[in-house]
Amino acid sequence: MAEFYVTKESQSDTGHQVHRKDCGELPIIDRLWYLGSFATAQAATNKANGIYSPVTKCPNCLKDIR
């Protein structure tokens, strides 16, 4: 299981992005909402969708990951 965060601020082109805790492009902690520990990136994204909209997966740490 991995820990996931979502950005609090929406970007015009990507919305709120979901990141793994170990992402090399993770914004500073003040700009993040902790989602929790999940078995899949999709489960973390589903939780983020309940908080923010639109939500996308980080292309750096979650590309090609479910």
PDB file of N, CA and C in Angstrom:
ATOM      1  N   MET A   1       0.851  -1.181   0.000  1.00  0.00           N
ATOM      2  CA  MET A   1       0.000   0.000   0.000  1.00  0.00           C
ATOM      3  C   MET A   1       0.889   1.233   0.000  1.00  0.00           C
ATOM      4  N   ALA A   2       0.392   2.260  -0.643  1.00  0.00           N
ATOM      5  CA  ALA A   2       1.134   3.516  -0.732  1.00  0.00           C
ATOM      6  C   ALA A   2       0.289   4.650  -0.166  1.00  0.00           C
ATOM      7  N   GLU A   3       0.965   5.718   0.237  1.00  0.00           N
ATOM      8  CA  GLU A   3       0.269   6.889   0.752  1.00  0.00           C
ATOM      9  C   GLU A   3       0.107   7.900  -0.381  1.00  0.00           C
ATOM     10  N   PHE A   4      -1.057   8.559  -0.389  1.00  0.00           N
ATOM     11  CA  PHE A   4      -1.387   9.481  -1.475  1.00  0.00           C
ATOM     12  C   PHE A   4      -1.837  10.837  -0.951  1.00  0.00           C
ATOM     13  N   TYR A   5      -1.572  11.858  -1.771  1.00  0.00           N
ATOM     14  CA  TYR A   5      -1.993  13.225  -1.501  1.00  0.00           C
ATOM     15  C   TYR A   5      -2.681  13.777  -2.742  1.00  0.00           C
ATOM     16  N   VAL A   6      -3.486  14.822  -2.548  1.00  0.00           N
ATOM     17  CA  VAL A   6      -4.070  15.556  -3.669  1.00  0.00           C
ATOM     18  C   VAL A   6      -3.772  17.034  -3.446  1.00  0.00           C
ATOM     19  N   THR A   7      -3.513  17.747  -4.522  1.00  0.00           N
ATOM     20  CA  THR A   7      -3.239  19.175  -4.400  1.00  0.00           C
ATOM     21  C   THR A   7      -4.519  19.917  -4.030  1.00  0.00           C
ATOM     22  N   LYS A   8      -4.373  20.894  -3.132  1.00  0.00           N
ATOM     23  CA  LYS A   8      -5.521  21.701  -2.706  1.00  0.00           C
ATOM     24  C   LYS A   8      -5.925  22.706  -3.773  1.00  0.00           C
ATOM     25  N   GLU A   9      -4.949  23.204  -4.509  1.00  0.00           N
ATOM     26  CA  GLU A   9      -5.201  24.208  -5.532  1.00  0.00           C
ATOM     27  C   GLU A   9      -5.354  23.548  -6.894  1.00  0.00           C
ATOM     28  N   SER A  10      -6.378  23.959  -7.608  1.00  0.00           N
ATOM     29  CA  SER A  10      -6.623  23.436  -8.945  1.00  0.00           C
ATOM     30  C   SER A  10      -5.798  24.199  -9.974  1.00  0.00           C
ATOM     31  N   GLN A  11      -5.222  23.478 -10.909  1.00  0.00           N
ATOM     32  CA  GLN A  11      -4.521  24.091 -12.034  1.00  0.00           C
ATOM     33  C   GLN A  11      -5.467  24.078 -13.231  1.00  0.00           C
ATOM     34  N   SER A  12      -5.396  25.079 -14.054  1.00  0.00           N
ATOM     35  CA  SER A  12      -6.349  25.200 -15.163  1.00  0.00           C
ATOM     36  C   SER A  12      -6.285  24.029 -16.138  1.00  0.00           C
ATOM     37  N   ASP A  13      -5.109  23.444 -16.324  1.00  0.00           N
ATOM     38  CA  ASP A  13      -4.983  22.356 -17.295  1.00  0.00           C
ATOM     39  C   ASP A  13      -5.088  20.953 -16.698  1.00  0.00           C
ATOM     40  N   THR A  14      -4.863  20.805 -15.392  1.00  0.00           N
ATOM     41  CA  THR A  14      -4.871  19.460 -14.797  1.00  0.00           C
ATOM     42  C   THR A  14      -5.842  19.295 -13.635  1.00  0.00           C
ATOM     43  N   GLY A  15      -6.431  20.368 -13.166  1.00  0.00           N
ATOM     44  CA  GLY A  15      -7.301  20.276 -12.002  1.00  0.00           C
ATOM     45  C   GLY A  15      -6.471  19.986 -10.757  1.00  0.00           C
ATOM     46  N   HIS A  16      -7.017  19.211  -9.858  1.00  0.00           N
ATOM     47  CA  HIS A  16      -6.320  18.797  -8.640  1.00  0.00           C
ATOM     48  C   HIS A  16      -5.603  17.492  -8.955  1.00  0.00           C
ATOM     49  N   GLN A  17      -4.313  17.416  -8.655  1.00  0.00           N
ATOM     50  CA  GLN A  17      -3.549  16.216  -8.995  1.00  0.00           C
ATOM     51  C   GLN A  17      -3.316  15.319  -7.789  1.00  0.00           C
ATOM     52  N   VAL A  18      -3.475  14.028  -8.018  1.00  0.00           N
ATOM     53  CA  VAL A  18      -3.189  13.004  -7.012  1.00  0.00           C
ATOM     54  C   VAL A  18      -1.735  12.574  -7.187  1.00  0.00           C
ATOM     55  N   HIS A  19      -1.001  12.517  -6.073  1.00  0.00           N
ATOM     56  CA  HIS A  19       0.410  12.137  -6.072  1.00  0.00           C
ATOM     57  C   HIS A  19       0.658  11.056  -5.029  1.00  0.00           C
ATOM     58  N   ARG A  20       1.645  10.204  -5.297  1.00  0.00           N
ATOM     59  CA  ARG A  20       2.144   9.309  -4.262  1.00  0.00           C
ATOM     60  C   ARG A  20       3.075  10.093  -3.354  1.00  0.00           C
ATOM     61  N   LYS A  21       3.225   9.640  -2.133  1.00  0.00           N
ATOM     62  CA  LYS A  21       4.061  10.327  -1.144  1.00  0.00           C
ATOM     63  C   LYS A  21       5.508  10.465  -1.618  1.00  0.00           C
ATOM     64  N   ASP A  22       5.991   9.519  -2.398  1.00  0.00           N
ATOM     65  CA  ASP A  22       7.383   9.532  -2.842  1.00  0.00           C
ATOM     66  C   ASP A  22       7.596  10.221  -4.190  1.00  0.00           C
ATOM     67  N   CYS A  23       6.608  10.974  -4.673  1.00  0.00           N
ATOM     68  CA  CYS A  23       6.700  11.649  -5.963  1.00  0.00           C
ATOM     69  C   CYS A  23       7.804  12.706  -5.948  1.00  0.00           C
ATOM     70  N   GLY A  24       8.588  12.737  -6.984  1.00  0.00           N
ATOM     71  CA  GLY A  24       9.645  13.725  -7.112  1.00  0.00           C
ATOM     72  C   GLY A  24       9.124  15.128  -7.378  1.00  0.00           C
ATOM     73  N   GLU A  25       7.850  15.242  -7.764  1.00  0.00           N
ATOM     74  CA  GLU A  25       7.257  16.545  -8.064  1.00  0.00           C
ATOM     75  C   GLU A  25       6.175  16.914  -7.050  1.00  0.00           C
ATOM     76  N   LEU A  26       6.230  16.309  -5.886  1.00  0.00           N
ATOM     77  CA  LEU A  26       5.245  16.568  -4.841  1.00  0.00           C
ATOM     78  C   LEU A  26       5.379  18.010  -4.347  1.00  0.00           C
ATOM     79  N   PRO A  27       4.286  18.782  -4.391  1.00  0.00           N
ATOM     80  CA  PRO A  27       4.342  20.155  -3.864  1.00  0.00           C
ATOM     81  C   PRO A  27       4.589  20.160  -2.353  1.00  0.00           C
ATOM     82  N   ILE A  28       4.853  21.341  -1.811  1.00  0.00           N
ATOM     83  CA  ILE A  28       5.069  21.435  -0.367  1.00  0.00           C
ATOM     84  C   ILE A  28       3.807  21.006   0.375  1.00  0.00           C
ATOM     85  N   ILE A  29       3.980  20.491   1.563  1.00  0.00           N
ATOM     86  CA  ILE A  29       2.898  19.874   2.335  1.00  0.00           C
ATOM     87  C   ILE A  29       1.731  20.820   2.578  1.00  0.00           C
ATOM     88  N   ASP A  30       1.982  22.118   2.677  1.00  0.00           N
ATOM     89  CA  ASP A  30       0.905  23.089   2.905  1.00  0.00           C
ATOM     90  C   ASP A  30      -0.073  23.160   1.743  1.00  0.00           C
ATOM     91  N   ARG A  31       0.346  22.689   0.584  1.00  0.00           N
ATOM     92  CA  ARG A  31      -0.495  22.737  -0.613  1.00  0.00           C
ATOM     93  C   ARG A  31      -1.177  21.405  -0.909  1.00  0.00           C
ATOM     94  N   LEU A  32      -1.101  20.481   0.052  1.00  0.00           N
ATOM     95  CA  LEU A  32      -1.618  19.125  -0.167  1.00  0.00           C
ATOM     96  C   LEU A  32      -2.667  18.737   0.857  1.00  0.00           C
ATOM     97  N   TRP A  33      -3.544  17.835   0.440  1.00  0.00           N
ATOM     98  CA  TRP A  33      -4.530  17.205   1.306  1.00  0.00           C
ATOM     99  C   TRP A  33      -4.156  15.731   1.350  1.00  0.00           C
ATOM    100  N   TYR A  34      -3.962  15.201   2.555  1.00  0.00           N
ATOM    101  CA  TYR A  34      -3.605  13.786   2.697  1.00  0.00           C
ATOM    102  C   TYR A  34      -4.837  12.929   2.464  1.00  0.00           C
ATOM    103  N   LEU A  35      -4.737  12.025   1.501  1.00  0.00           N
ATOM    104  CA  LEU A  35      -5.864  11.144   1.182  1.00  0.00           C
ATOM    105  C   LEU A  35      -5.847   9.870   2.012  1.00  0.00           C
ATOM    106  N   GLY A  36      -4.663   9.356   2.305  1.00  0.00           N
ATOM    107  CA  GLY A  36      -4.550   8.126   3.065  1.00  0.00           C
ATOM    108  C   GLY A  36      -3.707   7.097   2.342  1.00  0.00           C
ATOM    109  N   SER A  37      -3.751   5.877   2.839  1.00  0.00           N
ATOM    110  CA  SER A  37      -3.004   4.767   2.285  1.00  0.00           C
ATOM    111  C   SER A  37      -3.956   3.891   1.475  1.00  0.00           C
ATOM    112  N   PHE A  38      -3.576   3.616   0.232  1.00  0.00           N
ATOM    113  CA  PHE A  38      -4.441   2.848  -0.666  1.00  0.00           C
ATOM    114  C   PHE A  38      -3.639   1.797  -1.413  1.00  0.00           C
ATOM    115  N   ALA A  39      -4.313   0.733  -1.823  1.00  0.00           N
ATOM    116  CA  ALA A  39      -3.675  -0.333  -2.590  1.00  0.00           C
ATOM    117  C   ALA A  39      -3.466   0.072  -4.043  1.00  0.00           C
ATOM    118  N   THR A  40      -4.295   0.984  -4.556  1.00  0.00           N
ATOM    119  CA  THR A  40      -4.181   1.408  -5.952  1.00  0.00           C
ATOM    120  C   THR A  40      -4.316   2.923  -6.067  1.00  0.00           C
ATOM    121  N   ALA A  41      -3.735   3.453  -7.125  1.00  0.00           N
ATOM    122  CA  ALA A  41      -3.871   4.884  -7.405  1.00  0.00           C
ATOM    123  C   ALA A  41      -5.321   5.226  -7.735  1.00  0.00           C
ATOM    124  N   GLN A  42      -6.028   4.295  -8.346  1.00  0.00           N
ATOM    125  CA  GLN A  42      -7.430   4.551  -8.689  1.00  0.00           C
ATOM    126  C   GLN A  42      -8.278   4.719  -7.438  1.00  0.00           C
ATOM    127  N   ALA A  43      -8.009   3.944  -6.408  1.00  0.00           N
ATOM    128  CA  ALA A  43      -8.751   4.079  -5.157  1.00  0.00           C
ATOM    129  C   ALA A  43      -8.495   5.451  -4.534  1.00  0.00           C
ATOM    130  N   ALA A  44      -7.247   5.912  -4.582  1.00  0.00           N
ATOM    131  CA  ALA A  44      -6.922   7.244  -4.066  1.00  0.00           C
ATOM    132  C   ALA A  44      -7.595   8.321  -4.902  1.00  0.00           C
ATOM    133  N   THR A  45      -7.612   8.146  -6.205  1.00  0.00           N
ATOM    134  CA  THR A  45      -8.257   9.109  -7.104  1.00  0.00           C
ATOM    135  C   THR A  45      -9.754   9.152  -6.848  1.00  0.00           C
ATOM    136  N   ASN A  46     -10.357   8.009  -6.602  1.00  0.00           N
ATOM    137  CA  ASN A  46     -11.794   7.974  -6.291  1.00  0.00           C
ATOM    138  C   ASN A  46     -12.093   8.775  -5.025  1.00  0.00           C
ATOM    139  N   LYS A  47     -11.249   8.638  -3.993  1.00  0.00           N
ATOM    140  CA  LYS A  47     -11.458   9.412  -2.777  1.00  0.00           C
ATOM    141  C   LYS A  47     -11.295  10.898  -3.060  1.00  0.00           C
ATOM    142  N   ALA A  48     -10.278  11.257  -3.827  1.00  0.00           N
ATOM    143  CA  ALA A  48     -10.041  12.666  -4.165  1.00  0.00           C
ATOM    144  C   ALA A  48     -11.224  13.263  -4.921  1.00  0.00           C
ATOM    145  N   ASN A  49     -11.864  12.460  -5.773  1.00  0.00           N
ATOM    146  CA  ASN A  49     -13.035  12.924  -6.517  1.00  0.00           C
ATOM    147  C   ASN A  49     -14.191  13.272  -5.591  1.00  0.00           C
ATOM    148  N   GLY A  50     -14.208  12.705  -4.402  1.00  0.00           N
ATOM    149  CA  GLY A  50     -15.232  13.039  -3.420  1.00  0.00           C
ATOM    150  C   GLY A  50     -14.949  14.348  -2.696  1.00  0.00           C
ATOM    151  N   ILE A  51     -13.732  14.874  -2.864  1.00  0.00           N
ATOM    152  CA  ILE A  51     -13.317  16.109  -2.204  1.00  0.00           C
ATOM    153  C   ILE A  51     -13.233  17.261  -3.201  1.00  0.00           C
ATOM    154  N   TYR A  52     -12.610  16.992  -4.339  1.00  0.00           N
ATOM    155  CA  TYR A  52     -12.351  18.012  -5.358  1.00  0.00           C
ATOM    156  C   TYR A  52     -12.825  17.541  -6.726  1.00  0.00           C
ATOM    157  N   SER A  53     -12.959  18.504  -7.628  1.00  0.00           N
ATOM    158  CA  SER A  53     -13.281  18.198  -9.019  1.00  0.00           C
ATOM    159  C   SER A  53     -12.756  19.330  -9.888  1.00  0.00           C
ATOM    160  N   PRO A  54     -12.166  19.050 -11.010  1.00  0.00           N
ATOM    161  CA  PRO A  54     -11.753  17.744 -11.521  1.00  0.00           C
ATOM    162  C   PRO A  54     -10.464  17.260 -10.864  1.00  0.00           C
ATOM    163  N   VAL A  55     -10.237  15.962 -10.945  1.00  0.00           N
ATOM    164  CA  VAL A  55      -9.053  15.339 -10.363  1.00  0.00           C
ATOM    165  C   VAL A  55      -8.348  14.533 -11.449  1.00  0.00           C
ATOM    166  N   THR A  56      -7.015  14.634 -11.481  1.00  0.00           N
ATOM    167  CA  THR A  56      -6.208  13.843 -12.411  1.00  0.00           C
ATOM    168  C   THR A  56      -5.070  13.180 -11.635  1.00  0.00           C
ATOM    169  N   LYS A  57      -4.474  12.176 -12.250  1.00  0.00           N
ATOM    170  CA  LYS A  57      -3.312  11.504 -11.660  1.00  0.00           C
ATOM    171  C   LYS A  57      -2.049  12.215 -12.124  1.00  0.00           C
ATOM    172  N   CYS A  58      -1.076  12.328 -11.249  1.00  0.00           N
ATOM    173  CA  CYS A  58       0.202  12.939 -11.590  1.00  0.00           C
ATOM    174  C   CYS A  58       0.865  12.152 -12.725  1.00  0.00           C
ATOM    175  N   PRO A  59       1.266  12.827 -13.793  1.00  0.00           N
ATOM    176  CA  PRO A  59       1.909  12.114 -14.898  1.00  0.00           C
ATOM    177  C   PRO A  59       3.335  11.651 -14.551  1.00  0.00           C
ATOM    178  N   ASN A  60       3.890  12.154 -13.467  1.00  0.00           N
ATOM    179  CA  ASN A  60       5.235  11.754 -13.060  1.00  0.00           C
ATOM    180  C   ASN A  60       5.216  10.470 -12.221  1.00  0.00           C
ATOM    181  N   CYS A  61       4.458  10.459 -11.140  1.00  0.00           N
ATOM    182  CA  CYS A  61       4.516   9.313 -10.228  1.00  0.00           C
ATOM    183  C   CYS A  61       3.416   8.277 -10.470  1.00  0.00           C
ATOM    184  N   LEU A  62       2.385   8.627 -11.237  1.00  0.00           N
ATOM    185  CA  LEU A  62       1.282   7.681 -11.431  1.00  0.00           C
ATOM    186  C   LEU A  62       1.036   7.326 -12.890  1.00  0.00           C
ATOM    187  N   LYS A  63       1.969   7.633 -13.772  1.00  0.00           N
ATOM    188  CA  LYS A  63       1.762   7.261 -15.164  1.00  0.00           C
ATOM    189  C   LYS A  63       1.825   5.737 -15.287  1.00  0.00           C
ATOM    190  N   ASP A  64       0.946   5.226 -16.078  1.00  0.00           N
ATOM    191  CA  ASP A  64       0.866   3.782 -16.322  1.00  0.00           C
ATOM    192  C   ASP A  64       0.595   2.969 -15.072  1.00  0.00           C
ATOM    193  N   ILE A  65      -0.029   3.598 -14.059  1.00  0.00           N
ATOM    194  CA  ILE A  65      -0.393   2.898 -12.831  1.00  0.00           C
ATOM    195  C   ILE A  65      -1.897   2.963 -12.674  1.00  0.00           C
ATOM    196  N   ARG A  66      -2.492   1.888 -12.273  1.00  0.00           N
ATOM    197  CA  ARG A  66      -3.934   1.863 -12.055  1.00  0.00           C
ATOM    198  C   ARG A  66      -4.289   2.575 -10.794  1.00  0.00           C
TER     199      ARG A  66
END
